C-alpha atoms as a PDB file:
ATOM      1  CA  MET A   1      11.250  40.543 -22.755  1.00  0.00           C
ATOM      2  CA  ARG A   2      11.149  41.565 -19.470  1.00  0.00           C
ATOM      3  CA  GLN A   3      10.806  37.967 -18.059  1.00  0.00           C
ATOM      4  CA  ILE A   4      14.195  37.652 -20.154  1.00  0.00           C
ATOM      5  CA  ASN A   5      15.685  40.740 -18.537  1.00  0.00           C
ATOM      6  CA  LYS A   6      14.837  39.459 -15.118  1.00  0.00           C
ATOM      7  CA  LYS A   7      16.120  35.996 -15.633  1.00  0.00           C
ATOM      8  CA  LEU A   8      19.434  38.048 -17.333  1.00  0.00           C
ATOM      9  CA  LEU A   9      19.636  39.961 -14.850  1.00  0.00           C
ATOM     10  CA  PHE A  10      19.556  37.696 -11.789  1.00  0.00           C
ATOM     11  CA  LYS A  11      22.298  35.468 -13.326  1.00  0.00           C
ATOM     12  CA  ILE A  12      24.478  38.564 -13.788  1.00  0.00           C
ATOM     13  CA  LEU A  13      24.400  39.252  -9.981  1.00  0.00           C
ATOM     14  CA  PHE A  14      24.632  35.538  -9.015  1.00  0.00           C
ATOM     15  CA  VAL A  15      28.119  35.879 -11.235  1.00  0.00           C
ATOM     16  CA  ILE A  16      28.861  38.975  -9.052  1.00  0.00           C
ATOM     17  CA  ILE A  17      27.915  37.463  -5.882  1.00  0.00           C
ATOM     18  CA  SER A  18      29.862  34.488  -6.619  1.00  0.00           C
ATOM     19  CA  ILE A  19      33.333  35.773  -7.242  1.00  0.00           C
ATOM     20  CA  PRO A  20      33.843  37.455  -3.674  1.00  0.00           C
ATOM     21  CA  VAL A  21      32.280  33.988  -2.001  1.00  0.00           C
ATOM     22  CA  PHE A  22      34.806  31.859  -3.677  1.00  0.00           C
ATOM     23  CA  TYR A  23      37.557  34.648  -2.903  1.00  0.00           C
ATOM     24  CA  LEU A  24      36.400  34.550   0.850  1.00  0.00           C
ATOM     25  CA  VAL A  25      35.913  31.010   1.166  1.00  0.00           C
ATOM     26  CA  TRP A  26      39.509  30.168  -0.250  1.00  0.00           C
ATOM     27  CA  LYS A  27      40.885  32.906   1.853  1.00  0.00           C
ATOM     28  CA  PHE A  28      39.743  31.832   5.002  1.00  0.00           C
ATOM     29  CA  ASN A  29      39.215  28.374   3.938  1.00  0.00           C
ATOM     30  CA  HIS A  30      40.667  26.768   7.253  1.00  0.00           C
ATOM     31  CA  ARG A  31      38.803  29.150   9.305  1.00  0.00           C
ATOM     32  CA  ILE A  32      35.612  28.452   7.889  1.00  0.00           C
ATOM     33  CA  PHE A  33      36.034  24.897   8.680  1.00  0.00           C
ATOM     34  CA  PHE A  34      36.866  24.961  11.951  1.00  0.00           C
ATOM     35  CA  VAL A  35      33.625  27.184  12.843  1.00  0.00           C
ATOM     36  CA  ILE A  36      31.771  24.618  10.809  1.00  0.00           C
ATOM     37  CA  ASN A  37      33.558  21.592  12.033  1.00  0.00           C
ATOM     38  CA  GLY A  38      33.049  23.110  15.626  1.00  0.00           C
ATOM     39  CA  LEU A  39      29.336  23.269  15.557  1.00  0.00           C
ATOM     40  CA  TYR A  40      29.710  19.064  15.710  1.00  0.00           C
ATOM     41  CA  SER A  41      27.235  18.092  18.238  1.00  0.00           C
ATOM     42  CA  ASN A  42      25.393  14.784  19.670  1.00  0.00           C
ATOM     43  CA  PHE A  43      22.128  15.798  18.715  1.00  0.00           C
ATOM     44  CA  PHE A  44      23.075  17.099  14.912  1.00  0.00           C
ATOM     45  CA  GLY A  45      25.942  14.367  14.591  1.00  0.00           C
ATOM     46  CA  TYR A  46      24.137  11.281  13.101  1.00  0.00           C
ATOM     47  CA  PRO A  47      21.873  13.314  10.708  1.00  0.00           C
ATOM     48  CA  MET A  48      24.613  14.876   9.128  1.00  0.00           C
ATOM     49  CA  ILE A  49      26.320  11.599   8.622  1.00  0.00           C
ATOM     50  CA  PHE A  50      23.088  10.499   7.445  1.00  0.00           C
ATOM     51  CA  LEU A  51      22.703  13.144   4.792  1.00  0.00           C
ATOM     52  CA  SER A  52      26.523  12.568   3.956  1.00  0.00           C
ATOM     53  CA  ALA A  53      25.767   9.110   3.254  1.00  0.00           C
ATOM     54  CA  MET A  54      22.542  10.209   1.013  1.00  0.00           C
ATOM     55  CA  ALA A  55      25.326  11.948  -1.183  1.00  0.00           C
ATOM     56  CA  ASP A  56      27.491   8.793  -1.904  1.00  0.00           C
ATOM     57  CA  GLY A  57      27.236   8.017  -5.465  1.00  0.00           C
ATOM     58  CA  LEU A  58      25.588   4.458  -4.963  1.00  0.00           C
ATOM     59  CA  PHE A  59      22.525   6.128  -2.865  1.00  0.00           C
ATOM     60  CA  VAL A  60      22.301   9.088  -5.660  1.00  0.00           C
ATOM     61  CA  ILE A  61      21.476   5.929  -8.318  1.00  0.00           C
ATOM     62  CA  MET A  62      19.334   4.543  -6.036  1.00  0.00           C
ATOM     63  CA  ILE A  63      17.335   7.780  -5.230  1.00  0.00           C
ATOM     64  CA  SER A  64      16.976   9.148  -8.787  1.00  0.00           C
ATOM     65  CA  SER A  65      16.086   5.839  -9.936  1.00  0.00           C
ATOM     66  CA  ALA A  66      13.413   5.620  -7.298  1.00  0.00           C
ATOM     67  CA  VAL A  67      11.739   8.640  -8.332  1.00  0.00           C
ATOM     68  CA  TYR A  68      11.752   8.216 -12.335  1.00  0.00           C
ATOM     69  CA  ARG A  69       8.367   7.512 -12.691  1.00  0.00           C
ATOM     70  CA  GLN A  70       7.974  11.306 -11.818  1.00  0.00           C
ATOM     71  CA  LYS A  71      10.846  12.659 -13.510  1.00  0.00           C
ATOM     72  CA  LYS A  72      10.645  10.787 -16.535  1.00  0.00           C
ATOM     73  CA  GLY A  73      11.738  12.951 -19.066  1.00  0.00           C
ATOM     74  CA  TYR A  74      14.939  13.843 -17.306  1.00  0.00           C
ATOM     75  CA  TYR A  75      16.118  10.838 -16.172  1.00  0.00           C
ATOM     76  CA  TRP A  76      18.499  10.340 -18.789  1.00  0.00           C
ATOM     77  CA  SER A  77      19.666  13.943 -18.746  1.00  0.00           C
ATOM     78  CA  PHE A  78      20.445  13.333 -15.193  1.00  0.00           C
ATOM     79  CA  MET A  79      22.364  10.527 -15.552  1.00  0.00           C
ATOM     80  CA  ILE A  80      24.450  12.151 -18.222  1.00  0.00           C
ATOM     81  CA  ALA A  81      24.813  15.077 -16.104  1.00  0.00           C
ATOM     82  CA  TYR A  82      26.160  12.939 -13.510  1.00  0.00           C
ATOM     83  CA  LEU A  83      28.885  11.247 -15.436  1.00  0.00           C
ATOM     84  CA  VAL A  84      30.260  14.232 -16.688  1.00  0.00           C
ATOM     85  CA  SER A  85      30.487  15.788 -13.366  1.00  0.00           C
ATOM     86  CA  ASN A  86      31.947  12.532 -11.804  1.00  0.00           C
ATOM     87  CA  ILE A  87      34.524  12.439 -14.812  1.00  0.00           C
ATOM     88  CA  ILE A  88      35.767  16.467 -14.429  1.00  0.00           C
ATOM     89  CA  VAL A  89      35.694  15.592 -10.456  1.00  0.00           C
ATOM     90  CA  ASN A  90      38.067  12.570 -10.638  1.00  0.00           C
ATOM     91  CA  ILE A  91      40.391  14.403 -13.256  1.00  0.00           C
ATOM     92  CA  ILE A  92      40.640  17.228 -11.160  1.00  0.00           C
ATOM     93  CA  LYS A  93      41.272  15.458  -7.831  1.00  0.00           C
ATOM     94  CA  SER A  94      44.066  13.203  -9.985  1.00  0.00           C
ATOM     95  CA  THR A  95      45.743  16.136 -11.278  1.00  0.00           C
ATOM     96  CA  TYR A  96      45.887  18.462  -8.033  1.00  0.00           C
ATOM     97  CA  SER A  97      45.747  16.131  -4.904  1.00  0.00           C
ATOM     98  CA  THR A  98      45.166  18.571  -2.324  1.00  0.00           C
ATOM     99  CA  GLY A  99      45.264  17.560   1.009  1.00  0.00           C
ATOM    100  CA  ARG A 100      42.178  16.820   3.450  1.00  0.00           C
ATOM    101  CA  PRO A 101      41.563  18.114   7.216  1.00  0.00           C
ATOM    102  CA  LEU A 102      43.434  15.006   8.472  1.00  0.00           C
ATOM    103  CA  ALA A 103      46.761  15.980   6.368  1.00  0.00           C
ATOM    104  CA  TYR A 104      47.018  19.202   8.306  1.00  0.00           C
ATOM    105  CA  TYR A 105      45.288  18.635  11.659  1.00  0.00           C
ATOM    106  CA  SER A 106      45.512  15.474  13.971  1.00  0.00           C
ATOM    107  CA  ILE A 107      42.031  13.480  14.656  1.00  0.00           C
ATOM    108  CA  ASP A 108      42.465  14.640  18.045  1.00  0.00           C
ATOM    109  CA  GLU A 109      42.046  18.079  16.934  1.00  0.00           C
ATOM    110  CA  ILE A 110      38.881  18.166  15.130  1.00  0.00           C
ATOM    111  CA  TYR A 111      35.585  16.034  14.481  1.00  0.00           C
ATOM    112  CA  TYR A 112      36.020  13.252  12.407  1.00  0.00           C
ATOM    113  CA  ALA A 113      33.734  10.652  11.276  1.00  0.00           C
ATOM    114  CA  GLY A 114      33.874   8.150   8.380  1.00  0.00           C
ATOM    115  CA  GLU A 115      36.866   6.320   6.539  1.00  0.00           C
ATOM    116  CA  ILE A 116      40.431   7.945   7.515  1.00  0.00           C
ATOM    117  CA  LEU A 117      41.304  10.128   4.269  1.00  0.00           C
ATOM    118  CA  ARG A 118      43.676  12.469   3.750  1.00  0.00           C
ATOM    119  CA  PHE A 119      44.383  13.432   0.181  1.00  0.00           C
ATOM    120  CA  GLN A 120      42.433  14.188  -3.085  1.00  0.00           C
ATOM    121  CA  SER A 121      40.249  16.575  -1.072  1.00  0.00           C
ATOM    122  CA  PHE A 122      39.575  19.163  -4.075  1.00  0.00           C
ATOM    123  CA  PRO A 123      36.533  19.042  -5.436  1.00  0.00           C
ATOM    124  CA  SER A 124      34.194  17.606  -2.993  1.00  0.00           C
ATOM    125  CA  GLY A 125      32.516  14.536  -5.134  1.00  0.00           C
ATOM    126  CA  HIS A 126      29.797  14.178  -2.308  1.00  0.00           C
ATOM    127  CA  ALA A 127      29.091  17.909  -2.732  1.00  0.00           C
ATOM    128  CA  THR A 128      29.107  17.570  -6.232  1.00  0.00           C
ATOM    129  CA  ALA A 129      27.049  14.742  -6.284  1.00  0.00           C
ATOM    130  CA  ALA A 130      24.379  16.089  -3.938  1.00  0.00           C
ATOM    131  CA  MET A 131      23.982  19.004  -6.360  1.00  0.00           C
ATOM    132  CA  VAL A 132      23.533  16.760  -9.132  1.00  0.00           C
ATOM    133  CA  LEU A 133      20.759  14.930  -7.333  1.00  0.00           C
ATOM    134  CA  MET A 134      19.310  18.287  -5.890  1.00  0.00           C
ATOM    135  CA  ARG A 135      19.066  19.681  -9.578  1.00  0.00           C
ATOM    136  CA  TYR A 136      17.484  16.690 -10.693  1.00  0.00           C
ATOM    137  CA  LEU A 137      14.518  16.565  -7.737  1.00  0.00           C
ATOM    138  CA  ILE A 138      13.844  20.040  -7.889  1.00  0.00           C
ATOM    139  CA  GLN A 139      12.822  20.078 -11.568  1.00  0.00           C
ATOM    140  CA  ASP A 140       9.198  20.318 -11.837  1.00  0.00           C
ATOM    141  CA  ALA A 141       8.722  19.928  -8.286  1.00  0.00           C
ATOM    142  CA  GLY A 142       6.204  22.259  -6.282  1.00  0.00           C
ATOM    143  CA  LYS A 143       7.624  25.007  -4.328  1.00  0.00           C
ATOM    144  CA  LYS A 144       7.320  23.553  -0.824  1.00  0.00           C
ATOM    145  CA  ILE A 145       8.813  20.432  -1.993  1.00  0.00           C
ATOM    146  CA  THR A 146      11.668  22.309  -3.859  1.00  0.00           C
ATOM    147  CA  VAL A 147      12.694  24.291  -0.484  1.00  0.00           C
ATOM    148  CA  LEU A 148      12.757  21.020   1.076  1.00  0.00           C
ATOM    149  CA  ILE A 149      14.799  19.676  -1.143  1.00  0.00           C
ATOM    150  CA  ILE A 150      17.337  22.472  -1.710  1.00  0.00           C
ATOM    151  CA  ILE A 151      17.849  22.809   2.068  1.00  0.00           C
ATOM    152  CA  LEU A 152      18.312  18.723   2.345  1.00  0.00           C
ATOM    153  CA  GLY A 153      20.720  19.669  -0.420  1.00  0.00           C
ATOM    154  CA  LEU A 154      22.661  22.401   0.815  1.00  0.00           C
ATOM    155  CA  LEU A 155      23.104  20.577   3.956  1.00  0.00           C
ATOM    156  CA  SER A 156      24.301  17.590   2.526  1.00  0.00           C
ATOM    157  CA  ALA A 157      27.020  19.101   1.142  1.00  0.00           C
ATOM    158  CA  ALA A 158      27.903  20.986   4.065  1.00  0.00           C
ATOM    159  CA  SER A 159      27.887  17.632   6.051  1.00  0.00           C
ATOM    160  CA  ARG A 160      31.399  17.084   4.099  1.00  0.00           C
ATOM    161  CA  VAL A 161      33.000  20.090   6.522  1.00  0.00           C
ATOM    162  CA  TYR A 162      30.951  19.111   9.420  1.00  0.00           C
ATOM    163  CA  ILE A 163      32.142  15.690   9.571  1.00  0.00           C
ATOM    164  CA  GLY A 164      35.831  16.615   9.010  1.00  0.00           C
ATOM    165  CA  VAL A 165      36.501  14.916   5.607  1.00  0.00           C
ATOM    166  CA  HIS A 166      36.824  18.147   3.364  1.00  0.00           C
ATOM    167  CA  PHE A 167      37.083  21.918   3.609  1.00  0.00           C
ATOM    168  CA  PRO A 168      34.789  24.179   2.610  1.00  0.00           C
ATOM    169  CA  TYR A 169      36.257  25.164  -0.583  1.00  0.00           C
ATOM    170  CA  ASP A 170      36.039  21.871  -1.880  1.00  0.00           C
ATOM    171  CA  VAL A 171      32.466  21.895  -1.268  1.00  0.00           C
ATOM    172  CA  ILE A 172      31.678  24.959  -2.486  1.00  0.00           C
ATOM    173  CA  PHE A 173      33.428  24.544  -5.811  1.00  0.00           C
ATOM    174  CA  GLY A 174      31.910  20.820  -6.037  1.00  0.00           C
ATOM    175  CA  GLY A 175      28.603  22.263  -5.356  1.00  0.00           C
ATOM    176  CA  TYR A 176      28.925  24.934  -8.183  1.00  0.00           C
ATOM    177  CA  LEU A 177      30.090  22.477 -10.493  1.00  0.00           C
ATOM    178  CA  GLY A 178      27.290  19.649  -9.954  1.00  0.00           C
ATOM    179  CA  PHE A 179      24.720  22.074 -10.145  1.00  0.00           C
ATOM    180  CA  PHE A 180      25.861  24.306 -13.521  1.00  0.00           C
ATOM    181  CA  ILE A 181      26.912  20.837 -15.209  1.00  0.00           C
ATOM    182  CA  THR A 182      23.198  19.534 -14.573  1.00  0.00           C
ATOM    183  CA  HIS A 183      21.213  22.851 -15.314  1.00  0.00           C
ATOM    184  CA  GLY A 184      23.088  23.090 -18.370  1.00  0.00           C
ATOM    185  CA  VAL A 185      22.468  19.531 -19.447  1.00  0.00           C
ATOM    186  CA  PHE A 186      18.643  20.487 -18.653  1.00  0.00           C
ATOM    187  CA  ILE A 187      18.689  23.422 -20.658  1.00  0.00           C
ATOM    188  CA  TYR A 188      20.023  21.740 -23.902  1.00  0.00           C
ATOM    189  CA  ALA A 189      17.524  18.700 -23.505  1.00  0.00           C
ATOM    190  CA  ALA A 190      14.864  21.357 -22.909  1.00  0.00           C
ATOM    191  CA  LYS A 191      15.621  23.145 -26.099  1.00  0.00           C
ATOM    192  CA  ARG A 192      16.067  19.857 -28.003  1.00  0.00           C
ATOM    193  CA  TYR A 193      12.875  18.431 -26.916  1.00  0.00           C
ATOM    194  CA  LYS A 194       9.759  19.582 -25.502  1.00  0.00           C
ATOM    195  CA  HIS A 195       8.527  17.509 -22.147  1.00  0.00           C
ATOM    196  CA  SER A 196       5.843  15.414 -24.166  1.00  0.00           C
ATOM    197  CA  ASP A 197       8.307  14.410 -27.064  1.00  0.00           C
ATOM    198  CA  ARG A 198      11.437  13.442 -25.192  1.00  0.00           C
ATOM    199  CA  PRO A 199      12.659   9.670 -26.129  1.00  0.00           C
ATOM    200  CA  GLU A 200      10.994   7.117 -23.838  1.00  0.00           C
ATOM    201  CA  TYR A 201      12.337   3.709 -24.541  1.00  0.00           C
ATOM    202  CA  LYS A 202      10.332   0.622 -24.179  1.00  0.00           C
ATOM    203  CA  TYR A 203      12.179  -1.128 -21.587  1.00  0.00           C
ATOM    204  CA  ASN A 204      13.168   2.064 -19.566  1.00  0.00           C
ATOM    205  CA  ASN A 205      11.557   1.078 -15.915  1.00  0.00           C
ATOM    206  CA  LEU A 206      13.249  -2.400 -16.663  1.00  0.00           C
ATOM    207  CA  LEU A 207      16.416  -1.011 -17.092  1.00  0.00           C
ATOM    208  CA  ILE A 208      16.152   1.749 -14.377  1.00  0.00           C
ATOM    209  CA  SER A 209      15.300  -0.574 -12.134  1.00  0.00           C
ATOM    210  CA  ILE A 210      18.179  -3.017 -12.513  1.00  0.00           C
ATOM    211  CA  CYS A 211      20.464   0.092 -12.232  1.00  0.00           C
ATOM    212  CA  GLY A 212      19.036   0.622  -8.803  1.00  0.00           C
ATOM    213  CA  LEU A 213      19.026  -2.931  -7.312  1.00  0.00           C
ATOM    214  CA  SER A 214      22.836  -3.078  -8.891  1.00  0.00           C
ATOM    215  CA  ALA A 215      23.781  -0.083  -6.713  1.00  0.00           C
ATOM    216  CA  GLY A 216      21.854  -1.366  -3.784  1.00  0.00           C
ATOM    217  CA  ILE A 217      23.765  -4.834  -4.277  1.00  0.00           C
ATOM    218  CA  PHE A 218      26.882  -3.342  -4.801  1.00  0.00           C
ATOM    219  CA  TYR A 219      26.707  -1.233  -1.487  1.00  0.00           C
ATOM    220  CA  LEU A 220      25.469  -4.046   0.699  1.00  0.00           C
ATOM    221  CA  PHE A 221      28.135  -6.258  -0.019  1.00  0.00           C
ATOM    222  CA  PHE A 222      31.195  -3.912  -0.953  1.00  0.00           C
ATOM    223  CA  ASN A 223      30.676  -0.973   1.059  1.00  0.00           C
ATOM    224  CA  ASN A 224      33.494  -0.181   3.055  1.00  0.00           C
ATOM    225  CA  ASP A 225      31.885   0.973   6.524  1.00  0.00           C
ATOM    226  CA  MET A 226      32.614   4.659   5.498  1.00  0.00           C
ATOM    227  CA  TYR A 227      29.544   5.435   7.792  1.00  0.00           C
ATOM    228  CA  ALA A 228      30.382   3.245  10.686  1.00  0.00           C
ATOM    229  CA  PRO A 229      28.150   4.890  13.059  1.00  0.00           C
ATOM    230  CA  LEU A 230      25.183   4.697  11.117  1.00  0.00           C
ATOM    231  CA  SER A 231      25.901   1.375   8.944  1.00  0.00           C
ATOM    232  CA  LYS A 232      22.893  -0.661  10.186  1.00  0.00           C
ATOM    233  CA  LEU A 233      20.797   2.187   9.238  1.00  0.00           C
ATOM    234  CA  ILE A 234      21.842   2.532   5.827  1.00  0.00           C
ATOM    235  CA  ASN A 235      21.951  -0.883   5.132  1.00  0.00           C
ATOM    236  CA  ILE A 236      18.388  -1.249   6.045  1.00  0.00           C
ATOM    237  CA  ILE A 237      17.448   1.629   3.849  1.00  0.00           C
ATOM    238  CA  THR A 238      19.742   0.164   1.151  1.00  0.00           C
ATOM    239  CA  LEU A 239      17.825  -3.537   1.306  1.00  0.00           C
ATOM    240  CA  LEU A 240      14.619  -1.785   1.067  1.00  0.00           C
ATOM    241  CA  PHE A 241      15.445   0.071  -2.062  1.00  0.00           C
ATOM    242  CA  SER A 242      16.859  -3.053  -3.320  1.00  0.00           C
ATOM    243  CA  ILE A 243      13.175  -4.800  -2.594  1.00  0.00           C
ATOM    244  CA  PHE A 244      11.548  -2.130  -4.497  1.00  0.00           C
ATOM    245  CA  PHE A 245      13.678  -2.448  -7.549  1.00  0.00           C
ATOM    246  CA  THR A 246      13.519  -5.833  -7.304  1.00  0.00           C
ATOM    247  CA  TYR A 247       9.411  -5.693  -7.416  1.00  0.00           C
ATOM    248  CA  THR A 248       9.850  -3.738  -9.862  1.00  0.00           C
ATOM    249  CA  ILE A 249      12.163  -5.464 -12.184  1.00  0.00           C
ATOM    250  CA  LEU A 250       9.744  -8.696 -11.738  1.00  0.00           C
ATOM    251  CA  SER A 251       6.538  -6.526 -12.151  1.00  0.00           C
ATOM    252  CA  GLU A 252       8.264  -5.368 -15.494  1.00  0.00           C
ATOM    253  CA  PHE A 253       9.042  -9.052 -16.514  1.00  0.00           C
ATOM    254  CA  PHE A 254       5.589 -10.186 -16.073  1.00  0.00           C
ATOM    255  CA  LYS A 255       3.999  -7.094 -18.175  1.00  0.00           C
ATOM    256  CA  ILE A 256       6.490  -8.486 -20.837  1.00  0.00           C
ATOM    257  CA  TYR A 257       5.427 -11.844 -20.814  1.00  0.00           C
ATOM    258  CA  GLN A 258       2.065 -10.946 -20.770  1.00  0.00           C
ATOM    259  CA  ASN A 259       2.359  -8.753 -23.756  1.00  0.00           C
ATOM    260  CA  LYS A 260       3.932 -11.261 -25.918  1.00  0.00           C
ATOM    261  CA  SER A 261       1.500 -13.971 -24.659  1.00  0.00           C
ATOM    262  CA  THR A 262      -1.362 -11.655 -25.875  1.00  0.00           C
ATOM    263  CA  ASN A 263       0.347 -10.883 -29.077  1.00  0.00           C
ATOM    264  CA  LYS A 264       0.705 -14.703 -29.707  1.00  0.00           C
ATOM    265  CA  SER A 265      -3.021 -15.026 -29.082  1.00  0.00           C
ATOM    266  CA  ILE A 266      -4.077 -12.569 -31.542  1.00  0.00           C
END
């Protein structure tokens, strides 16, 4: 009972704190943008661009697929949350095509990295994806790993302001949206299945690896140099992911072939 009360109290306090935070960020949106964007330095610039790239949709699929074996009972819940949050983000973006920083300021007034974009700013799709991935990765993780993942997730979301492609309010809203949709899906899945009883499909490893490899191939051949300063590094990482998924796919096909050969001999 005490445990339930503590959780309920935490949720109430979180909501109470979130309301003024949303208001203050909305009220001083441009001022906060200039404070964060003005922190740019050559030392932190590339790492923040890299963290921003890691929240790209294709990278989210590759990362989540790569750690599937450690998060078996949650992968499909994650994918549902990711798809739902993406649909909601795109509906909002299409309905309220708000201006990005470059719609208000010239490229000489702010630090800017990546593809030139001026509209469909609210909410930040990258911040949403970063929080969906973060919530997935911290599931059943140790305390130290959880802290590290949370820090990287928050920095990845904040990087969208740092590199000048979003205002803080876009990132805050997108982050909340991604985190709580994923959290809600995970709660529903936990109530419906015990961890050990969650459905495991015969060809899960194969299907998920194909999904990850497809994302890698698509990124390598169709990316638009959104992260031009680090495009070579990102392409190398994508290639390594693709090699890993290719190896897994071949291993799964070999297992299927072995099983069929064993059954025939029996």
